[in-house]
Amino acid sequence: MYRFLLSPRWLAAAALAVAAALVMVMLGNWQLRRYEERSATNDRIDAADSVAAVPLTSVLTRPTAPGTAGTSPGKNLAWTKVTVSGQYDPSHEIQARGRTVNGDVGFEIVTPLVLADGTAVLVDRGWVPAPPGGALAAPVAPPAPTGPVTVVGQIHLSESRPVAVERRDGRLDTRRISLPRLAPEMPYPVYGAYVLLTEQVPAADAAFTSIPIDHEDAWQNGGYAVQWWLFALMALAAYVYYARKEAHGGDQPARERSPARPRPESGDRIDDADRRRAATADRVEEADRRRSGGDRVEEADRKRAAATATQGDRVSDADRARDTAGQGRSAQD
């Protein structure tokens, strides 16, 4: 019954269904990995208030060349809670414009913190609102403290889609905090990620607003993973469905409505011969039905002829009866 599956057409269909299912499974696995990565990131964000900070130098690769950025730590270390000590360098302070906090547009103030070994890490000290002069006017930001400083914060990866860096109002000015773009403006090696400040000794100025950290939408990736796996099952189920349909003769009512139309060759000689015999039998049955219809017409004609003859006989009998009655009256006269 299923020999037709060995035909070239069905073998190609099987290969296509399996290939499509494999691709969809791989896409689902990729979405699952993204779900796990984002879930781990969210866990680090949530755990920042309860875990102890680790030294920044134990997490990030130390940069070596002045004016260049070190290696990025990768997504697996994003938002890790770290601590680092050094001195701020306000002469290379950065203002990141067009930053929104609670619906208000302002600036993030980023200041290099120079470590004892001569390397530096950029520290995002917080957000300040735009001045009345507009979003491009120089913001009013508290100066960085002098002397030794200890910073506690979370690792923030370099931002994508970097733009040009300019110097404006005594600060470096940019739209995106991109370490590869900012490091050439610095006279020392710069770590490949910056720190989003949460605590500082001495304490940070109250004029700064803390930068909120948004959770990543991990469940969206989880939903996509399930969808791709379901699509893979559907591809295989569709192949099985059409194979069973072909094995059981396809659409029987459609063949009854058009018995004389030959079905396309499937590539299996035995099945094709069976279908041709079935089509021939259907044509014979149709001819028998037509002949049966003709016999009924002839029978109806005979019945009408018999009825006409009977009616004629009754008329003749009536005429003979009238003639006999007339003759009887003449004899009496």
C-alpha atoms as a PDB file:
ATOM      1  CA  MET A   1       0.000   0.000   0.000  1.00  0.00           C
ATOM      2  CA  TYR A   2       2.836   2.400   0.794  1.00  0.00           C
ATOM      3  CA  ARG A   3       5.158   1.387  -2.037  1.00  0.00           C
ATOM      4  CA  PHE A   4       4.545   4.740  -3.681  1.00  0.00           C
ATOM      5  CA  LEU A   5       6.695   6.338  -0.935  1.00  0.00           C
ATOM      6  CA  LEU A   6       9.729   4.989  -2.803  1.00  0.00           C
ATOM      7  CA  SER A   7       8.869   6.991  -5.910  1.00  0.00           C
ATOM      8  CA  PRO A   8      11.109  10.002  -6.676  1.00  0.00           C
ATOM      9  CA  ARG A   9       8.312  12.466  -5.969  1.00  0.00           C
ATOM     10  CA  TRP A  10       7.599  11.115  -2.499  1.00  0.00           C
ATOM     11  CA  LEU A  11      11.264  10.681  -1.642  1.00  0.00           C
ATOM     12  CA  ALA A  12      11.826  14.353  -2.500  1.00  0.00           C
ATOM     13  CA  ALA A  13       8.826  15.330  -0.365  1.00  0.00           C
ATOM     14  CA  ALA A  14      10.200  13.319   2.568  1.00  0.00           C
ATOM     15  CA  ALA A  15      13.630  14.951   2.263  1.00  0.00           C
ATOM     16  CA  LEU A  16      12.032  18.412   2.119  1.00  0.00           C
ATOM     17  CA  ALA A  17       9.867  17.755   5.205  1.00  0.00           C
ATOM     18  CA  VAL A  18      12.819  16.442   7.232  1.00  0.00           C
ATOM     19  CA  ALA A  19      15.077  19.331   6.166  1.00  0.00           C
ATOM     20  CA  ALA A  20      12.417  21.904   7.054  1.00  0.00           C
ATOM     21  CA  ALA A  21      11.840  20.238  10.430  1.00  0.00           C
ATOM     22  CA  LEU A  22      15.583  20.248  11.212  1.00  0.00           C
ATOM     23  CA  VAL A  23      15.920  23.935  10.346  1.00  0.00           C
ATOM     24  CA  MET A  24      12.941  24.782  12.546  1.00  0.00           C
ATOM     25  CA  VAL A  25      14.326  22.742  15.440  1.00  0.00           C
ATOM     26  CA  MET A  26      17.658  24.580  15.173  1.00  0.00           C
ATOM     27  CA  LEU A  27      15.865  27.936  15.152  1.00  0.00           C
ATOM     28  CA  GLY A  28      13.931  26.836  18.225  1.00  0.00           C
ATOM     29  CA  ASN A  29      17.163  25.820  19.977  1.00  0.00           C
ATOM     30  CA  TRP A  30      18.700  29.204  19.143  1.00  0.00           C
ATOM     31  CA  GLN A  31      15.698  30.980  20.659  1.00  0.00           C
ATOM     32  CA  LEU A  32      16.021  28.741  23.723  1.00  0.00           C
ATOM     33  CA  ARG A  33      19.648  29.798  24.159  1.00  0.00           C
ATOM     34  CA  ARG A  34      18.600  33.458  23.888  1.00  0.00           C
ATOM     35  CA  TYR A  35      15.942  32.789  26.521  1.00  0.00           C
ATOM     36  CA  GLU A  36      18.547  31.289  28.848  1.00  0.00           C
ATOM     37  CA  GLU A  37      20.977  34.184  28.255  1.00  0.00           C
ATOM     38  CA  ARG A  38      18.330  36.808  28.926  1.00  0.00           C
ATOM     39  CA  SER A  39      17.034  34.955  31.976  1.00  0.00           C
ATOM     40  CA  ALA A  40      20.571  34.850  33.387  1.00  0.00           C
ATOM     41  CA  THR A  41      20.928  38.588  32.722  1.00  0.00           C
ATOM     42  CA  ASN A  42      17.677  39.290  34.551  1.00  0.00           C
ATOM     43  CA  ASP A  43      18.880  37.147  37.461  1.00  0.00           C
ATOM     44  CA  ARG A  44      22.046  39.238  37.717  1.00  0.00           C
ATOM     45  CA  ILE A  45      20.000  42.443  37.665  1.00  0.00           C
ATOM     46  CA  ASP A  46      17.718  41.163  40.423  1.00  0.00           C
ATOM     47  CA  ALA A  47      20.598  39.820  42.531  1.00  0.00           C
ATOM     48  CA  ALA A  48      22.606  43.061  42.493  1.00  0.00           C
ATOM     49  CA  ASP A  49      21.115  44.276  45.770  1.00  0.00           C
ATOM     50  CA  SER A  50      21.771  41.041  47.634  1.00  0.00           C
ATOM     51  CA  VAL A  51      25.153  39.771  46.367  1.00  0.00           C
ATOM     52  CA  ALA A  52      28.596  41.023  47.286  1.00  0.00           C
ATOM     53  CA  ALA A  53      30.504  43.057  44.712  1.00  0.00           C
ATOM     54  CA  VAL A  54      33.568  41.445  43.161  1.00  0.00           C
ATOM     55  CA  PRO A  55      36.721  43.352  42.124  1.00  0.00           C
ATOM     56  CA  LEU A  56      36.407  44.768  38.638  1.00  0.00           C
ATOM     57  CA  THR A  57      39.900  43.560  37.751  1.00  0.00           C
ATOM     58  CA  SER A  58      38.808  39.960  38.411  1.00  0.00           C
ATOM     59  CA  VAL A  59      36.047  40.206  35.849  1.00  0.00           C
ATOM     60  CA  LEU A  60      37.326  42.428  33.029  1.00  0.00           C
ATOM     61  CA  THR A  61      40.458  41.856  30.976  1.00  0.00           C
ATOM     62  CA  ARG A  62      43.094  44.464  31.719  1.00  0.00           C
ATOM     63  CA  PRO A  63      43.713  46.825  28.756  1.00  0.00           C
ATOM     64  CA  THR A  64      47.308  47.393  27.720  1.00  0.00           C
ATOM     65  CA  ALA A  65      47.660  50.072  25.027  1.00  0.00           C
ATOM     66  CA  PRO A  66      46.884  53.748  25.710  1.00  0.00           C
ATOM     67  CA  GLY A  67      44.018  55.116  23.631  1.00  0.00           C
ATOM     68  CA  THR A  68      42.481  51.697  23.023  1.00  0.00           C
ATOM     69  CA  ALA A  69      39.653  49.766  24.655  1.00  0.00           C
ATOM     70  CA  GLY A  70      40.166  46.378  26.247  1.00  0.00           C
ATOM     71  CA  THR A  71      38.265  43.215  25.406  1.00  0.00           C
ATOM     72  CA  SER A  72      34.524  43.260  25.979  1.00  0.00           C
ATOM     73  CA  PRO A  73      33.474  40.832  28.737  1.00  0.00           C
ATOM     74  CA  GLY A  74      30.525  39.509  26.735  1.00  0.00           C
ATOM     75  CA  LYS A  75      26.844  39.177  27.570  1.00  0.00           C
ATOM     76  CA  ASN A  76      27.420  36.524  30.226  1.00  0.00           C
ATOM     77  CA  LEU A  77      28.993  39.145  32.499  1.00  0.00           C
ATOM     78  CA  ALA A  78      26.650  42.042  31.788  1.00  0.00           C
ATOM     79  CA  TRP A  79      25.243  43.638  34.973  1.00  0.00           C
ATOM     80  CA  THR A  80      27.691  41.820  37.244  1.00  0.00           C
ATOM     81  CA  LYS A  81      28.127  43.764  40.488  1.00  0.00           C
ATOM     82  CA  VAL A  82      31.725  45.024  40.831  1.00  0.00           C
ATOM     83  CA  THR A  83      33.809  47.393  42.927  1.00  0.00           C
ATOM     84  CA  VAL A  84      36.822  49.476  41.890  1.00  0.00           C
ATOM     85  CA  SER A  85      38.956  52.230  43.432  1.00  0.00           C
ATOM     86  CA  GLY A  86      40.881  55.086  41.827  1.00  0.00           C
ATOM     87  CA  GLN A  87      40.732  58.805  41.082  1.00  0.00           C
ATOM     88  CA  TYR A  88      38.369  60.579  38.693  1.00  0.00           C
ATOM     89  CA  ASP A  89      39.774  62.439  35.674  1.00  0.00           C
ATOM     90  CA  PRO A  90      37.269  65.280  34.999  1.00  0.00           C
ATOM     91  CA  SER A  91      39.354  66.602  32.083  1.00  0.00           C
ATOM     92  CA  HIS A  92      38.111  63.704  29.938  1.00  0.00           C
ATOM     93  CA  GLU A  93      34.539  63.643  31.233  1.00  0.00           C
ATOM     94  CA  ILE A  94      31.822  62.623  28.769  1.00  0.00           C
ATOM     95  CA  GLN A  95      28.226  63.800  28.405  1.00  0.00           C
ATOM     96  CA  ALA A  96      25.889  61.344  26.677  1.00  0.00           C
ATOM     97  CA  ARG A  97      23.006  63.396  25.325  1.00  0.00           C
ATOM     98  CA  GLY A  98      19.424  62.447  24.504  1.00  0.00           C
ATOM     99  CA  ARG A  99      19.037  60.054  27.465  1.00  0.00           C
ATOM    100  CA  THR A 100      15.546  59.480  28.839  1.00  0.00           C
ATOM    101  CA  VAL A 101      14.665  58.724  32.463  1.00  0.00           C
ATOM    102  CA  ASN A 102      11.027  58.570  33.573  1.00  0.00           C
ATOM    103  CA  GLY A 103       9.971  60.252  30.326  1.00  0.00           C
ATOM    104  CA  ASP A 104      12.338  63.235  30.680  1.00  0.00           C
ATOM    105  CA  VAL A 105      15.234  63.852  28.295  1.00  0.00           C
ATOM    106  CA  GLY A 106      18.633  64.731  29.721  1.00  0.00           C
ATOM    107  CA  PHE A 107      22.282  63.698  29.926  1.00  0.00           C
ATOM    108  CA  GLU A 108      24.282  60.872  31.474  1.00  0.00           C
ATOM    109  CA  ILE A 109      27.598  62.044  32.899  1.00  0.00           C
ATOM    110  CA  VAL A 110      30.430  59.542  32.395  1.00  0.00           C
ATOM    111  CA  THR A 111      33.808  60.172  34.046  1.00  0.00           C
ATOM    112  CA  PRO A 112      37.025  58.112  33.683  1.00  0.00           C
ATOM    113  CA  LEU A 113      38.234  56.552  36.939  1.00  0.00           C
ATOM    114  CA  VAL A 114      42.002  56.066  36.770  1.00  0.00           C
ATOM    115  CA  LEU A 115      43.270  53.019  38.683  1.00  0.00           C
ATOM    116  CA  ALA A 116      46.587  52.737  40.489  1.00  0.00           C
ATOM    117  CA  ASP A 117      48.114  50.752  37.603  1.00  0.00           C
ATOM    118  CA  GLY A 118      47.453  53.567  35.121  1.00  0.00           C
ATOM    119  CA  THR A 119      44.463  51.955  33.414  1.00  0.00           C
ATOM    120  CA  ALA A 120      41.004  53.549  33.528  1.00  0.00           C
ATOM    121  CA  VAL A 121      37.379  52.507  33.573  1.00  0.00           C
ATOM    122  CA  LEU A 122      34.514  54.775  32.554  1.00  0.00           C
ATOM    123  CA  VAL A 123      31.968  55.317  35.339  1.00  0.00           C
ATOM    124  CA  ASP A 124      28.419  56.465  34.535  1.00  0.00           C
ATOM    125  CA  ARG A 125      27.810  58.699  37.585  1.00  0.00           C
ATOM    126  CA  GLY A 126      24.121  59.254  36.835  1.00  0.00           C
ATOM    127  CA  TRP A 127      21.538  61.294  34.916  1.00  0.00           C
ATOM    128  CA  VAL A 128      20.866  65.035  35.008  1.00  0.00           C
ATOM    129  CA  PRO A 129      18.002  66.850  33.246  1.00  0.00           C
ATOM    130  CA  ALA A 130      18.526  69.010  30.198  1.00  0.00           C
ATOM    131  CA  PRO A 131      18.860  72.733  31.004  1.00  0.00           C
ATOM    132  CA  PRO A 132      16.160  75.262  30.025  1.00  0.00           C
ATOM    133  CA  GLY A 133      18.160  76.102  26.896  1.00  0.00           C
ATOM    134  CA  GLY A 134      17.227  72.762  25.326  1.00  0.00           C
ATOM    135  CA  ALA A 135      18.540  69.242  24.864  1.00  0.00           C
ATOM    136  CA  LEU A 136      21.762  70.459  23.223  1.00  0.00           C
ATOM    137  CA  ALA A 137      22.650  73.076  25.831  1.00  0.00           C
ATOM    138  CA  ALA A 138      25.401  72.284  28.315  1.00  0.00           C
ATOM    139  CA  PRO A 139      24.009  70.348  31.294  1.00  0.00           C
ATOM    140  CA  VAL A 140      24.641  71.387  34.862  1.00  0.00           C
ATOM    141  CA  ALA A 141      26.325  68.409  36.572  1.00  0.00           C
ATOM    142  CA  PRO A 142      27.993  68.158  39.988  1.00  0.00           C
ATOM    143  CA  PRO A 143      31.775  67.968  39.705  1.00  0.00           C
ATOM    144  CA  ALA A 144      33.496  64.655  40.300  1.00  0.00           C
ATOM    145  CA  PRO A 145      35.005  64.297  43.777  1.00  0.00           C
ATOM    146  CA  THR A 146      38.746  64.692  44.102  1.00  0.00           C
ATOM    147  CA  GLY A 147      41.064  62.232  45.757  1.00  0.00           C
ATOM    148  CA  PRO A 148      40.639  58.482  46.111  1.00  0.00           C
ATOM    149  CA  VAL A 149      37.188  57.145  45.309  1.00  0.00           C
ATOM    150  CA  THR A 150      35.665  53.696  45.689  1.00  0.00           C
ATOM    151  CA  VAL A 151      32.853  52.891  43.274  1.00  0.00           C
ATOM    152  CA  VAL A 152      30.324  50.059  43.437  1.00  0.00           C
ATOM    153  CA  GLY A 153      28.222  49.438  40.355  1.00  0.00           C
ATOM    154  CA  GLN A 154      27.212  47.058  37.610  1.00  0.00           C
ATOM    155  CA  ILE A 155      29.025  46.246  34.394  1.00  0.00           C
ATOM    156  CA  HIS A 156      27.426  47.842  31.342  1.00  0.00           C
ATOM    157  CA  LEU A 157      28.497  46.623  27.906  1.00  0.00           C
ATOM    158  CA  SER A 158      29.581  49.047  25.224  1.00  0.00           C
ATOM    159  CA  GLU A 159      26.562  50.343  23.307  1.00  0.00           C
ATOM    160  CA  SER A 160      25.976  49.428  19.671  1.00  0.00           C
ATOM    161  CA  ARG A 161      25.530  51.761  16.689  1.00  0.00           C
ATOM    162  CA  PRO A 162      28.339  54.163  17.733  1.00  0.00           C
ATOM    163  CA  VAL A 163      28.315  57.774  16.542  1.00  0.00           C
ATOM    164  CA  ALA A 164      30.933  60.495  16.267  1.00  0.00           C
ATOM    165  CA  VAL A 165      32.519  61.945  19.420  1.00  0.00           C
ATOM    166  CA  GLU A 166      32.852  65.723  19.682  1.00  0.00           C
ATOM    167  CA  ARG A 167      34.150  68.111  22.320  1.00  0.00           C
ATOM    168  CA  ARG A 168      31.515  70.555  23.534  1.00  0.00           C
ATOM    169  CA  ASP A 169      31.359  72.825  26.594  1.00  0.00           C
ATOM    170  CA  GLY A 170      34.531  71.356  28.075  1.00  0.00           C
ATOM    171  CA  ARG A 171      33.362  67.725  27.798  1.00  0.00           C
ATOM    172  CA  LEU A 172      33.415  64.976  25.237  1.00  0.00           C
ATOM    173  CA  ASP A 173      29.943  64.798  23.717  1.00  0.00           C
ATOM    174  CA  THR A 174      28.304  61.728  22.171  1.00  0.00           C
ATOM    175  CA  ARG A 175      24.956  60.028  21.679  1.00  0.00           C
ATOM    176  CA  ARG A 176      26.110  56.455  22.342  1.00  0.00           C
ATOM    177  CA  ILE A 177      28.573  55.217  24.974  1.00  0.00           C
ATOM    178  CA  SER A 178      30.837  53.158  22.730  1.00  0.00           C
ATOM    179  CA  LEU A 179      34.198  52.227  24.246  1.00  0.00           C
ATOM    180  CA  PRO A 180      35.987  51.722  20.879  1.00  0.00           C
ATOM    181  CA  ARG A 181      34.959  55.293  19.895  1.00  0.00           C
ATOM    182  CA  LEU A 182      35.706  56.931  23.256  1.00  0.00           C
ATOM    183  CA  ALA A 183      38.997  55.166  24.122  1.00  0.00           C
ATOM    184  CA  PRO A 184      41.048  57.001  21.412  1.00  0.00           C
ATOM    185  CA  GLU A 185      40.146  60.268  23.174  1.00  0.00           C
ATOM    186  CA  MET A 186      41.827  59.036  26.384  1.00  0.00           C
ATOM    187  CA  PRO A 187      45.565  59.121  27.220  1.00  0.00           C
ATOM    188  CA  TYR A 188      45.447  55.758  29.043  1.00  0.00           C
ATOM    189  CA  PRO A 189      44.233  52.203  28.383  1.00  0.00           C
ATOM    190  CA  VAL A 190      40.456  51.874  28.909  1.00  0.00           C
ATOM    191  CA  TYR A 191      38.583  48.755  30.020  1.00  0.00           C
ATOM    192  CA  GLY A 192      36.228  47.192  27.472  1.00  0.00           C
ATOM    193  CA  ALA A 193      33.058  47.908  29.490  1.00  0.00           C
ATOM    194  CA  TYR A 194      31.908  50.752  31.714  1.00  0.00           C
ATOM    195  CA  VAL A 195      30.365  50.779  35.202  1.00  0.00           C
ATOM    196  CA  LEU A 196      26.872  52.012  36.056  1.00  0.00           C
ATOM    197  CA  LEU A 197      27.331  53.558  39.491  1.00  0.00           C
ATOM    198  CA  THR A 198      25.046  52.482  42.333  1.00  0.00           C
ATOM    199  CA  GLU A 199      27.183  53.388  45.388  1.00  0.00           C
ATOM    200  CA  GLN A 200      30.235  55.554  45.965  1.00  0.00           C
ATOM    201  CA  VAL A 201      32.636  56.524  48.771  1.00  0.00           C
ATOM    202  CA  PRO A 202      32.556  59.453  49.230  1.00  0.00           C
ATOM    203  CA  ALA A 203      28.810  59.513  48.524  1.00  0.00           C
ATOM    204  CA  ALA A 204      27.595  60.574  45.109  1.00  0.00           C
ATOM    205  CA  ASP A 205      25.901  63.945  44.749  1.00  0.00           C
ATOM    206  CA  ALA A 206      22.122  63.867  45.273  1.00  0.00           C
ATOM    207  CA  ALA A 207      21.624  65.905  42.095  1.00  0.00           C
ATOM    208  CA  PHE A 208      22.209  62.753  40.069  1.00  0.00           C
ATOM    209  CA  THR A 209      19.305  60.434  39.253  1.00  0.00           C
ATOM    210  CA  SER A 210      20.155  56.734  39.229  1.00  0.00           C
ATOM    211  CA  ILE A 211      19.913  55.089  35.815  1.00  0.00           C
ATOM    212  CA  PRO A 212      17.112  52.477  35.837  1.00  0.00           C
ATOM    213  CA  ILE A 213      17.997  49.020  34.528  1.00  0.00           C
ATOM    214  CA  ASP A 214      15.312  47.427  32.362  1.00  0.00           C
ATOM    215  CA  HIS A 215      14.801  43.685  32.398  1.00  0.00           C
ATOM    216  CA  GLU A 216      15.114  41.833  29.121  1.00  0.00           C
ATOM    217  CA  ASP A 217      12.094  40.113  27.611  1.00  0.00           C
ATOM    218  CA  ALA A 218      13.247  36.521  28.010  1.00  0.00           C
ATOM    219  CA  TRP A 219       9.740  35.045  27.753  1.00  0.00           C
ATOM    220  CA  GLN A 220       9.399  36.311  24.193  1.00  0.00           C
ATOM    221  CA  ASN A 221      12.340  34.144  23.162  1.00  0.00           C
ATOM    222  CA  GLY A 222      10.866  31.205  25.068  1.00  0.00           C
ATOM    223  CA  GLY A 223       7.609  31.595  23.149  1.00  0.00           C
ATOM    224  CA  TYR A 224       9.459  31.742  19.825  1.00  0.00           C
ATOM    225  CA  ALA A 225      11.320  28.535  20.704  1.00  0.00           C
ATOM    226  CA  VAL A 226       8.056  26.663  21.316  1.00  0.00           C
ATOM    227  CA  GLN A 227       6.579  28.038  18.077  1.00  0.00           C
ATOM    228  CA  TRP A 228       9.510  26.825  15.976  1.00  0.00           C
ATOM    229  CA  TRP A 229       9.329  23.350  17.527  1.00  0.00           C
ATOM    230  CA  LEU A 230       5.585  23.179  16.807  1.00  0.00           C
ATOM    231  CA  PHE A 231       6.242  24.204  13.193  1.00  0.00           C
ATOM    232  CA  ALA A 232       8.739  21.335  12.911  1.00  0.00           C
ATOM    233  CA  LEU A 233       6.115  18.853  14.121  1.00  0.00           C
ATOM    234  CA  MET A 234       3.568  20.311  11.706  1.00  0.00           C
ATOM    235  CA  ALA A 235       5.941  19.826   8.755  1.00  0.00           C
ATOM    236  CA  LEU A 236       6.358  16.131   9.578  1.00  0.00           C
ATOM    237  CA  ALA A 237       2.648  15.695  10.359  1.00  0.00           C
ATOM    238  CA  ALA A 238       1.714  17.195   6.978  1.00  0.00           C
ATOM    239  CA  TYR A 239       3.916  14.662   5.177  1.00  0.00           C
ATOM    240  CA  VAL A 240       2.347  11.757   7.120  1.00  0.00           C
ATOM    241  CA  TYR A 241      -1.163  13.082   6.466  1.00  0.00           C
ATOM    242  CA  TYR A 242      -0.745  13.327   2.702  1.00  0.00           C
ATOM    243  CA  ALA A 243       1.011   9.954   2.553  1.00  0.00           C
ATOM    244  CA  ARG A 244      -1.916   8.274   4.324  1.00  0.00           C
ATOM    245  CA  LYS A 245      -4.362  10.098   2.084  1.00  0.00           C
ATOM    246  CA  GLU A 246      -2.534   8.879  -1.003  1.00  0.00           C
ATOM    247  CA  ALA A 247      -2.408   5.325   0.335  1.00  0.00           C
ATOM    248  CA  HIS A 248      -6.185   5.258   0.913  1.00  0.00           C
ATOM    249  CA  GLY A 249      -7.086   6.478  -2.548  1.00  0.00           C
ATOM    250  CA  GLY A 250      -7.228  10.209  -2.037  1.00  0.00           C
ATOM    251  CA  ASP A 251     -10.541  12.040  -2.363  1.00  0.00           C
ATOM    252  CA  GLN A 252     -13.221   9.389  -3.172  1.00  0.00           C
ATOM    253  CA  PRO A 253     -16.163  11.798  -3.674  1.00  0.00           C
ATOM    254  CA  ALA A 254     -14.166  13.747  -6.239  1.00  0.00           C
ATOM    255  CA  ARG A 255     -13.577  10.560  -8.267  1.00  0.00           C
ATOM    256  CA  GLU A 256     -17.299   9.726  -8.197  1.00  0.00           C
ATOM    257  CA  ARG A 257     -18.190  13.151  -9.567  1.00  0.00           C
ATOM    258  CA  SER A 258     -15.808  12.759 -12.523  1.00  0.00           C
ATOM    259  CA  PRO A 259     -15.282   9.021 -13.120  1.00  0.00           C
ATOM    260  CA  ALA A 260     -13.964   9.427 -16.640  1.00  0.00           C
ATOM    261  CA  ARG A 261     -11.077  11.739 -15.668  1.00  0.00           C
ATOM    262  CA  PRO A 262      -7.799   9.777 -15.353  1.00  0.00           C
ATOM    263  CA  ARG A 263      -5.692  10.400 -12.246  1.00  0.00           C
ATOM    264  CA  PRO A 264      -2.066  11.427 -12.690  1.00  0.00           C
ATOM    265  CA  GLU A 265       0.520   8.718 -12.634  1.00  0.00           C
ATOM    266  CA  SER A 266       2.089   8.271  -9.183  1.00  0.00           C
ATOM    267  CA  GLY A 267       5.184   6.430 -10.298  1.00  0.00           C
ATOM    268  CA  ASP A 268       4.000   3.085  -8.823  1.00  0.00           C
ATOM    269  CA  ARG A 269       2.920   0.756 -11.657  1.00  0.00           C
ATOM    270  CA  ILE A 270       0.735  -1.471  -9.450  1.00  0.00           C
ATOM    271  CA  ASP A 271      -1.219   1.442  -8.005  1.00  0.00           C
ATOM    272  CA  ASP A 272      -1.599   2.993 -11.462  1.00  0.00           C
ATOM    273  CA  ALA A 273      -2.983  -0.298 -12.853  1.00  0.00           C
ATOM    274  CA  ASP A 274      -5.450  -0.543  -9.947  1.00  0.00           C
ATOM    275  CA  ARG A 275      -6.686   2.961 -10.621  1.00  0.00           C
ATOM    276  CA  ARG A 276      -7.089   2.271 -14.329  1.00  0.00           C
ATOM    277  CA  ARG A 277      -9.154  -0.870 -13.573  1.00  0.00           C
ATOM    278  CA  ALA A 278     -11.300   1.125 -11.148  1.00  0.00           C
ATOM    279  CA  ALA A 279     -11.863   3.821 -13.776  1.00  0.00           C
ATOM    280  CA  THR A 280     -12.866   1.160 -16.346  1.00  0.00           C
ATOM    281  CA  ALA A 281     -15.303  -0.415 -13.882  1.00  0.00           C
ATOM    282  CA  ASP A 282     -16.803   2.998 -13.213  1.00  0.00           C
ATOM    283  CA  ARG A 283     -17.339   3.556 -16.941  1.00  0.00           C
ATOM    284  CA  VAL A 284     -19.006   0.132 -17.305  1.00  0.00           C
ATOM    285  CA  GLU A 285     -21.334   0.866 -14.406  1.00  0.00           C
ATOM    286  CA  GLU A 286     -22.204   4.229 -15.926  1.00  0.00           C
ATOM    287  CA  ALA A 287     -23.038   2.565 -19.264  1.00  0.00           C
ATOM    288  CA  ASP A 288     -25.246   0.038 -17.449  1.00  0.00           C
ATOM    289  CA  ARG A 289     -27.088   2.833 -15.732  1.00  0.00           C
ATOM    290  CA  ARG A 290     -27.654   4.544 -19.056  1.00  0.00           C
ATOM    291  CA  ARG A 291     -28.952   1.321 -20.596  1.00  0.00           C
ATOM    292  CA  SER A 292     -31.255   0.811 -17.637  1.00  0.00           C
ATOM    293  CA  GLY A 293     -32.612   4.270 -18.242  1.00  0.00           C
ATOM    294  CA  GLY A 294     -33.326   3.370 -21.902  1.00  0.00           C
ATOM    295  CA  ASP A 295     -35.220   0.192 -20.860  1.00  0.00           C
ATOM    296  CA  ARG A 296     -37.462   2.238 -18.637  1.00  0.00           C
ATOM    297  CA  VAL A 297     -38.335   4.527 -21.557  1.00  0.00           C
ATOM    298  CA  GLU A 298     -39.253   1.558 -23.723  1.00  0.00           C
ATOM    299  CA  GLU A 299     -41.396   0.114 -20.933  1.00  0.00           C
ATOM    300  CA  ALA A 300     -43.209   3.430 -20.612  1.00  0.00           C
ATOM    301  CA  ASP A 301     -43.852   3.484 -24.362  1.00  0.00           C
ATOM    302  CA  ARG A 302     -45.346  -0.029 -24.224  1.00  0.00           C
ATOM    303  CA  LYS A 303     -47.599   0.977 -21.360  1.00  0.00           C
ATOM    304  CA  ARG A 304     -48.827   4.012 -23.261  1.00  0.00           C
ATOM    305  CA  ALA A 305     -49.457   1.907 -26.377  1.00  0.00           C
ATOM    306  CA  ALA A 306     -51.377  -0.663 -24.353  1.00  0.00           C
ATOM    307  CA  ALA A 307     -53.444   2.044 -22.706  1.00  0.00           C
ATOM    308  CA  THR A 308     -54.223   3.588 -26.107  1.00  0.00           C
ATOM    309  CA  ALA A 309     -55.273   0.217 -27.508  1.00  0.00           C
ATOM    310  CA  THR A 310     -57.475  -0.478 -24.526  1.00  0.00           C
ATOM    311  CA  GLN A 311     -59.070   2.927 -24.825  1.00  0.00           C
ATOM    312  CA  GLY A 312     -59.746   2.266 -28.555  1.00  0.00           C
ATOM    313  CA  ASP A 313     -61.373  -1.072 -27.743  1.00  0.00           C
ATOM    314  CA  ARG A 314     -63.684   0.588 -25.226  1.00  0.00           C
ATOM    315  CA  VAL A 315     -64.740   3.166 -27.836  1.00  0.00           C
ATOM    316  CA  SER A 316     -65.458   0.421 -30.392  1.00  0.00           C
ATOM    317  CA  ASP A 317     -67.523  -1.539 -27.846  1.00  0.00           C
ATOM    318  CA  ALA A 318     -69.534   1.567 -27.083  1.00  0.00           C
ATOM    319  CA  ASP A 319     -70.207   2.141 -30.785  1.00  0.00           C
ATOM    320  CA  ARG A 320     -71.314  -1.460 -31.256  1.00  0.00           C
ATOM    321  CA  ALA A 321     -73.607  -1.188 -28.270  1.00  0.00           C
ATOM    322  CA  ARG A 322     -75.270   1.939 -29.694  1.00  0.00           C
ATOM    323  CA  ASP A 323     -75.701   0.256 -33.102  1.00  0.00           C
ATOM    324  CA  THR A 324     -77.315  -2.793 -31.529  1.00  0.00           C
ATOM    325  CA  ALA A 325     -79.722  -0.618 -29.515  1.00  0.00           C
ATOM    326  CA  GLY A 326     -80.693   1.312 -32.659  1.00  0.00           C
ATOM    327  CA  GLN A 327     -81.409  -1.884 -34.576  1.00  0.00           C
ATOM    328  CA  GLY A 328     -83.630  -3.125 -31.768  1.00  0.00           C
ATOM    329  CA  ARG A 329     -85.776   0.007 -31.814  1.00  0.00           C
ATOM    330  CA  SER A 330     -86.152  -0.238 -35.637  1.00  0.00           C
ATOM    331  CA  ALA A 331     -87.481  -3.809 -35.390  1.00  0.00           C
ATOM    332  CA  GLN A 332     -90.096  -2.808 -32.851  1.00  0.00           C
ATOM    333  CA  ASP A 333     -91.339  -0.096 -35.161  1.00  0.00           C
END
